[in-house]
Amino acid sequence: MNKRDYLIKTFSRTKRKDYENYILTAIWHKLDNMNIKPISQQYVKRQNGRYALMDLYFPQLKIGIEVDEAYHLNNHTEDNLRMDDIISAVYEESIEDFQVYRMDATKSIDEINARIHEVVSIIKNKAAVVKTTLNWKTYEEELSELKQKEHLSIHDNVQFKDIKDIANTVFGKNAKRYQLSYFRVIDKTWLWCPKLSIVENGDTKSVASGWLNLLAEDWTYIDESHQDVAIAKERTKNYMEEMNVGRERAVFAKYKNNLGFNSYRFVGVFKISGVSPDNDEFLRYDRISERVRIIKSTVSKQLES
């Protein structure tokens, strides 16, 4: 997606919120800097474990904007927070110099414009400080940059478009596509890209060929089962095979990002621990690591040599 389409898609999410739309688009236009990437409706996991919604977030500058309108003043709660929102959230604890600025839409137009001017000045000043590194990277540039790192962490807010990109970028593969969402990538490590189940009125519903995958809100475990009782029972009977070989699962959960596109995000390395203590029809996978080692591709090594 080019910048024009991205910006239209991003700001169209606030078009039914008149005051919010006015403030956020005013901030963006007054910045007048196409190297700054804006993200609308970005959830942030605070250090106290709760979530807050940034109406506008600038990841390169680590600055968030919250707009308070009359009918929802101080309303940024976790009511009806979707798992998609939780997975796409950025972690405040992993963001140095994170700053949040509130905009009160109940004020007069002169007061609102004065506050817009104040916040824009702050953003411009910070952008000037990091000018040499300020760059709105393409998706391909982000993946290329990731390949140079040693590890991928759950705190890295990296979105993958498909499983091929995960395998090639993180595990050194050179594939054109993958149809499977679970396969071995190296030694005892398997790549697992589960579609998370939907819970409605207490009932768990599958969105992946009958598989039921429940990720804990804090990402510390995953419970897995199948809506076919026979398959579920067979899984709980034979889980010791996976446990005995010490198989580990590098998990990239599938979710919809803030623009509504399917994406994958790393949520940790997991290992089976047995039957879930919450439901004996589910298997429990506990997170054993918050990061995974990035494997350099043999193709890259050959080119370097």
Protein backbone atom coordinates (compact mmCIF):
# COMPACT_ATOMS: atom_id res chain seq x y z
CA MET A 1 0.00 0.00 0.00
CA ASN A 2 1.45 3.39 -0.99
CA LYS A 3 1.44 6.37 1.37
CA ARG A 4 -1.60 8.00 -0.22
CA ASP A 5 -3.80 4.93 0.16
CA TYR A 6 -2.46 4.24 3.64
CA LEU A 7 -3.27 7.77 4.84
CA ILE A 8 -6.76 7.70 3.37
CA LYS A 9 -7.41 4.32 5.01
CA THR A 10 -5.98 5.45 8.33
CA PHE A 11 -7.89 8.69 8.70
CA SER A 12 -11.12 7.29 7.27
CA ARG A 13 -11.44 5.33 10.53
CA THR A 14 -12.33 8.58 12.30
CA LYS A 15 -14.70 10.02 9.68
CA ARG A 16 -17.80 9.30 11.80
CA LYS A 17 -16.24 10.99 14.84
CA ASP A 18 -16.48 14.64 13.87
CA TYR A 19 -14.44 16.28 16.63
CA GLU A 20 -11.80 13.57 16.65
CA ASN A 21 -11.49 13.67 12.87
CA TYR A 22 -11.06 17.45 12.88
CA ILE A 23 -8.32 17.36 15.53
CA LEU A 24 -6.36 14.42 14.17
CA THR A 25 -6.37 15.53 10.53
CA ALA A 26 -5.46 19.07 11.62
CA ILE A 27 -2.45 17.73 13.51
CA TRP A 28 -1.36 15.63 10.54
CA HIS A 29 -1.69 18.42 7.97
CA LYS A 30 0.09 20.97 10.17
CA LEU A 31 3.01 18.57 10.62
CA ASP A 32 3.51 18.62 6.83
CA ASN A 33 6.10 15.85 6.96
CA MET A 34 5.69 12.76 4.79
CA ASN A 35 8.49 10.94 6.62
CA ILE A 36 6.33 10.66 9.73
CA LYS A 37 4.04 7.63 9.77
CA PRO A 38 0.69 8.00 11.62
CA ILE A 39 -1.29 5.08 13.03
CA SER A 40 -4.91 5.56 14.07
CA GLN A 41 -6.72 3.66 16.83
CA GLN A 42 -3.56 2.10 18.28
CA TYR A 43 -3.88 0.24 21.57
CA VAL A 44 -1.02 0.53 24.03
CA LYS A 45 -0.44 -1.88 26.89
CA ARG A 46 0.51 0.23 29.86
CA GLN A 47 3.10 -0.85 32.42
CA ASN A 48 0.29 -1.47 34.92
CA GLY A 49 -1.05 -4.17 32.59
CA ARG A 50 -4.07 -2.18 31.41
CA TYR A 51 -4.73 -1.00 27.87
CA ALA A 52 -5.26 2.51 26.54
CA LEU A 53 -6.36 3.62 23.09
CA MET A 54 -4.24 6.15 21.26
CA ASP A 55 -6.46 7.85 18.70
CA LEU A 56 -3.30 8.73 16.80
CA TYR A 57 0.16 7.25 17.31
CA PHE A 58 3.51 8.14 15.77
CA PRO A 59 5.72 5.04 16.27
CA GLN A 60 8.93 6.67 15.02
CA LEU A 61 8.60 9.45 17.60
CA LYS A 62 6.91 7.36 20.32
CA ILE A 63 4.14 9.93 20.70
CA GLY A 64 0.45 9.17 21.22
CA ILE A 65 -2.59 11.46 20.94
CA GLU A 66 -5.82 10.85 22.86
CA VAL A 67 -8.96 12.85 22.02
CA ASP A 68 -11.62 13.22 24.71
CA GLU A 69 -15.08 14.08 23.41
CA ALA A 70 -18.02 15.09 25.58
CA TYR A 71 -19.84 11.77 25.47
CA HIS A 72 -16.79 9.67 26.21
CA LEU A 73 -14.53 11.86 28.34
CA ASN A 74 -11.97 9.62 30.03
CA ASN A 75 -13.57 6.61 28.36
CA HIS A 76 -10.44 4.77 27.27
CA THR A 77 -11.27 1.57 29.07
CA GLU A 78 -10.89 -2.07 28.16
CA ASP A 79 -14.60 -2.72 27.63
CA ASN A 80 -15.15 -5.14 24.72
CA LEU A 81 -11.45 -5.18 23.91
CA ARG A 82 -10.95 -7.69 21.09
CA MET A 83 -8.09 -10.15 20.98
CA ASP A 84 -7.09 -8.49 17.70
CA ASP A 85 -6.63 -5.23 19.61
CA ILE A 86 -4.60 -6.96 22.31
CA ILE A 87 -2.29 -8.64 19.80
CA SER A 88 -1.69 -5.47 17.79
CA ALA A 89 -1.04 -3.36 20.93
CA VAL A 90 2.38 -1.86 21.50
CA TYR A 91 4.03 -2.29 24.90
CA GLU A 92 4.73 0.90 26.85
CA GLU A 93 7.46 -0.87 28.85
CA SER A 94 9.44 -1.45 25.66
CA ILE A 95 9.12 2.16 24.44
CA GLU A 96 11.70 4.63 25.70
CA ASP A 97 10.54 8.24 26.13
CA PHE A 98 6.92 7.33 25.39
CA GLN A 99 4.74 10.45 25.53
CA VAL A 100 0.95 10.87 25.43
CA TYR A 101 -0.86 14.15 24.80
CA ARG A 102 -4.56 14.58 25.47
CA MET A 103 -6.86 16.76 23.42
CA ASP A 104 -10.09 17.97 25.04
CA ALA A 105 -12.71 18.31 22.30
CA THR A 106 -15.19 19.94 24.70
CA LYS A 107 -13.21 23.19 24.69
CA SER A 108 -13.92 26.17 22.44
CA ILE A 109 -12.58 26.15 18.90
CA ASP A 110 -9.92 28.72 19.84
CA GLU A 111 -8.75 26.57 22.76
CA ILE A 112 -8.74 23.42 20.60
CA ASN A 113 -6.70 25.14 17.88
CA ALA A 114 -4.27 26.48 20.48
CA ARG A 115 -3.79 22.96 21.85
CA ILE A 116 -3.33 21.59 18.31
CA HIS A 117 -0.65 24.20 17.68
CA GLU A 118 1.06 23.31 20.97
CA VAL A 119 1.11 19.56 20.28
CA VAL A 120 2.23 20.04 16.67
CA SER A 121 5.16 22.15 17.90
CA ILE A 122 6.16 19.38 20.32
CA ILE A 123 5.99 16.74 17.59
CA LYS A 124 7.98 18.88 15.14
CA ASN A 125 10.67 19.54 17.76
CA LYS A 126 11.07 15.85 18.46
CA ALA A 127 11.09 15.06 14.73
CA ALA A 128 13.88 17.58 14.26
CA VAL A 129 15.99 15.80 16.90
CA VAL A 130 15.70 12.40 15.17
CA LYS A 131 15.73 13.82 11.65
CA THR A 132 18.67 11.69 10.50
CA THR A 133 16.83 8.44 11.32
CA LEU A 134 13.30 9.57 10.47
CA ASN A 135 12.10 7.44 7.59
CA TRP A 136 8.71 5.96 6.74
CA LYS A 137 9.90 2.49 5.75
CA THR A 138 8.15 0.22 3.30
CA TYR A 139 7.13 -3.27 4.39
CA GLU A 140 10.04 -4.76 2.45
CA GLU A 141 12.49 -2.38 4.14
CA GLU A 142 11.15 -3.34 7.55
CA LEU A 143 11.68 -7.05 6.82
CA SER A 144 15.18 -6.40 5.48
CA GLU A 145 16.05 -4.47 8.63
CA LEU A 146 14.66 -7.25 10.82
CA LYS A 147 16.88 -9.83 9.08
CA GLN A 148 19.94 -8.00 10.38
CA LYS A 149 18.91 -8.39 14.02
CA GLU A 150 19.84 -11.26 16.30
CA HIS A 151 16.42 -11.85 17.84
CA LEU A 152 12.73 -11.06 17.38
CA SER A 153 10.92 -10.17 20.60
CA ILE A 154 7.24 -10.11 21.51
CA HIS A 155 7.79 -6.44 22.29
CA ASP A 156 8.76 -5.73 18.68
CA ASN A 157 5.61 -4.49 17.00
CA VAL A 158 6.36 -6.23 13.70
CA GLN A 159 3.46 -7.19 11.45
CA PHE A 160 3.91 -9.94 8.86
CA LYS A 161 1.60 -10.13 5.88
CA ASP A 162 1.88 -13.88 5.35
CA ILE A 163 3.55 -17.05 6.60
CA LYS A 164 6.11 -17.00 3.77
CA ASP A 165 7.49 -13.70 5.05
CA ILE A 166 7.83 -15.12 8.58
CA ALA A 167 9.67 -18.22 7.41
CA ASN A 168 11.99 -16.33 5.06
CA THR A 169 12.73 -13.40 7.37
CA VAL A 170 12.97 -15.09 10.76
CA PHE A 171 13.97 -18.66 9.91
CA GLY A 172 16.21 -18.18 6.89
CA LYS A 173 13.97 -19.94 4.38
CA ASN A 174 13.67 -19.06 0.71
CA ALA A 175 10.11 -20.07 -0.11
CA LYS A 176 7.61 -18.50 -2.50
CA ARG A 177 4.60 -19.56 -0.45
CA TYR A 178 3.39 -21.80 2.36
CA GLN A 179 -0.03 -23.39 2.58
CA LEU A 180 0.49 -24.95 6.01
CA SER A 181 0.20 -22.98 9.23
CA TYR A 182 2.23 -25.50 11.26
CA PHE A 183 5.54 -27.02 10.13
CA ARG A 184 9.10 -27.63 11.30
CA VAL A 185 11.56 -24.86 10.57
CA ILE A 186 14.75 -26.02 12.32
CA ASP A 187 15.73 -28.81 14.74
CA LYS A 188 12.96 -29.10 17.34
CA THR A 189 11.40 -25.74 16.51
CA TRP A 190 8.12 -25.61 14.61
CA LEU A 191 6.44 -22.55 13.19
CA TRP A 192 2.80 -22.28 14.31
CA CYS A 193 0.49 -19.57 12.97
CA PRO A 194 -2.85 -20.21 14.66
CA LYS A 195 -6.10 -18.46 13.91
CA LEU A 196 -7.45 -17.53 17.31
CA SER A 197 -10.93 -18.66 18.28
CA ILE A 198 -13.80 -16.30 18.92
CA VAL A 199 -15.53 -16.39 22.30
CA GLU A 200 -19.16 -15.24 22.18
CA ASN A 201 -21.43 -15.42 25.22
CA GLY A 202 -19.04 -17.85 26.85
CA ASP A 203 -18.97 -20.22 23.84
CA THR A 204 -15.71 -20.84 21.97
CA LYS A 205 -16.10 -20.84 18.19
CA SER A 206 -13.56 -22.11 15.69
CA VAL A 207 -12.40 -20.04 12.74
CA ALA A 208 -9.81 -22.59 11.57
CA SER A 209 -11.24 -25.90 10.31
CA GLY A 210 -12.59 -26.85 13.69
CA TRP A 211 -9.45 -26.04 15.69
CA LEU A 212 -9.93 -24.09 18.89
CA ASN A 213 -7.00 -21.88 19.84
CA LEU A 214 -7.24 -19.67 22.93
CA LEU A 215 -4.41 -17.26 23.64
CA ALA A 216 -4.19 -15.93 27.19
CA GLU A 217 -4.64 -12.16 27.38
CA ASP A 218 -1.10 -11.80 28.71
CA TRP A 219 0.23 -14.23 26.07
CA THR A 220 1.70 -16.60 28.68
CA TYR A 221 -0.14 -19.69 27.42
CA ILE A 222 -2.28 -21.10 24.61
CA ASP A 223 -5.02 -23.70 25.08
CA GLU A 224 -5.68 -25.84 22.01
CA SER A 225 -8.48 -28.27 21.20
CA HIS A 226 -10.88 -29.23 18.41
CA GLN A 227 -14.63 -28.86 18.17
CA ASP A 228 -14.82 -32.50 17.07
CA VAL A 229 -14.92 -34.30 20.42
CA ALA A 230 -13.23 -37.42 19.01
CA ILE A 231 -10.27 -35.42 17.69
CA ALA A 232 -10.03 -33.47 20.95
CA LYS A 233 -9.91 -36.65 23.03
CA GLU A 234 -7.33 -38.23 20.72
CA ARG A 235 -5.12 -35.14 21.09
CA THR A 236 -5.29 -35.18 24.87
CA LYS A 237 -4.40 -38.89 24.91
CA ASN A 238 -1.34 -38.63 22.68
CA TYR A 239 0.25 -35.33 23.70
CA MET A 240 3.15 -37.09 25.45
CA GLU A 241 4.83 -37.74 22.08
CA GLU A 242 5.29 -34.01 21.49
CA MET A 243 6.34 -33.50 25.10
CA ASN A 244 8.93 -36.29 25.00
CA VAL A 245 10.69 -34.98 21.90
CA GLY A 246 10.87 -31.50 23.43
CA ARG A 247 9.20 -29.79 20.49
CA GLU A 248 8.98 -26.01 20.71
CA ARG A 249 6.52 -23.84 18.83
CA ALA A 250 7.43 -20.36 17.63
CA VAL A 251 3.96 -18.83 17.54
CA PHE A 252 2.84 -16.05 15.22
CA ALA A 253 -0.83 -15.37 15.93
CA LYS A 254 -3.09 -14.33 13.09
CA TYR A 255 -5.17 -11.20 13.67
CA LYS A 256 -6.66 -8.18 11.92
CA ASN A 257 -4.52 -5.05 12.25
CA ASN A 258 -5.84 -1.55 12.81
CA LEU A 259 -6.59 -1.16 9.09
CA GLY A 260 -8.55 -4.40 8.98
CA PHE A 261 -5.96 -6.49 7.10
CA ASN A 262 -4.94 -9.98 8.17
CA SER A 263 -1.50 -9.99 9.80
CA TYR A 264 0.72 -12.19 11.93
CA ARG A 265 2.58 -11.19 15.08
CA PHE A 266 5.12 -13.07 17.16
CA VAL A 267 3.69 -13.85 20.61
CA GLY A 268 6.45 -16.09 21.96
CA VAL A 269 7.97 -19.58 21.92
CA PHE A 270 5.70 -22.18 23.50
CA LYS A 271 6.05 -25.73 24.74
CA ILE A 272 3.36 -28.25 25.64
CA SER A 273 2.91 -28.81 29.37
CA GLY A 274 -0.06 -31.19 29.37
CA VAL A 275 -3.81 -31.03 29.67
CA SER A 276 -5.18 -27.56 30.41
CA PRO A 277 -6.09 -27.07 34.08
CA ASP A 278 -9.06 -24.98 32.91
CA ASN A 279 -10.62 -27.56 30.59
CA ASP A 280 -9.59 -31.21 30.20
CA GLU A 281 -10.59 -31.15 26.51
CA PHE A 282 -7.78 -28.67 25.80
CA LEU A 283 -3.99 -28.99 25.74
CA ARG A 284 -1.93 -26.28 27.42
CA TYR A 285 1.12 -24.70 25.78
CA ASP A 286 3.14 -22.49 28.10
CA ARG A 287 5.34 -19.69 26.85
CA ILE A 288 8.99 -20.50 27.53
CA SER A 289 10.60 -17.51 25.82
CA GLU A 290 9.66 -13.96 24.80
CA ARG A 291 12.06 -13.99 21.88
CA VAL A 292 13.24 -16.19 19.02
CA ARG A 293 16.63 -16.24 17.32
CA ILE A 294 16.67 -14.92 13.77
CA ILE A 295 18.36 -17.44 11.47
CA LYS A 296 20.43 -16.05 8.64
CA SER A 297 19.53 -17.62 5.31
CA THR A 298 22.05 -19.78 3.49
CA VAL A 299 21.36 -17.72 0.38
CA SER A 300 22.49 -14.57 2.19
CA LYS A 301 25.61 -16.32 3.49
CA GLN A 302 26.54 -17.45 -0.02
CA LEU A 303 26.12 -13.91 -1.36
CA GLU A 304 28.26 -12.50 1.45
CA SER A 305 31.04 -14.99 0.77
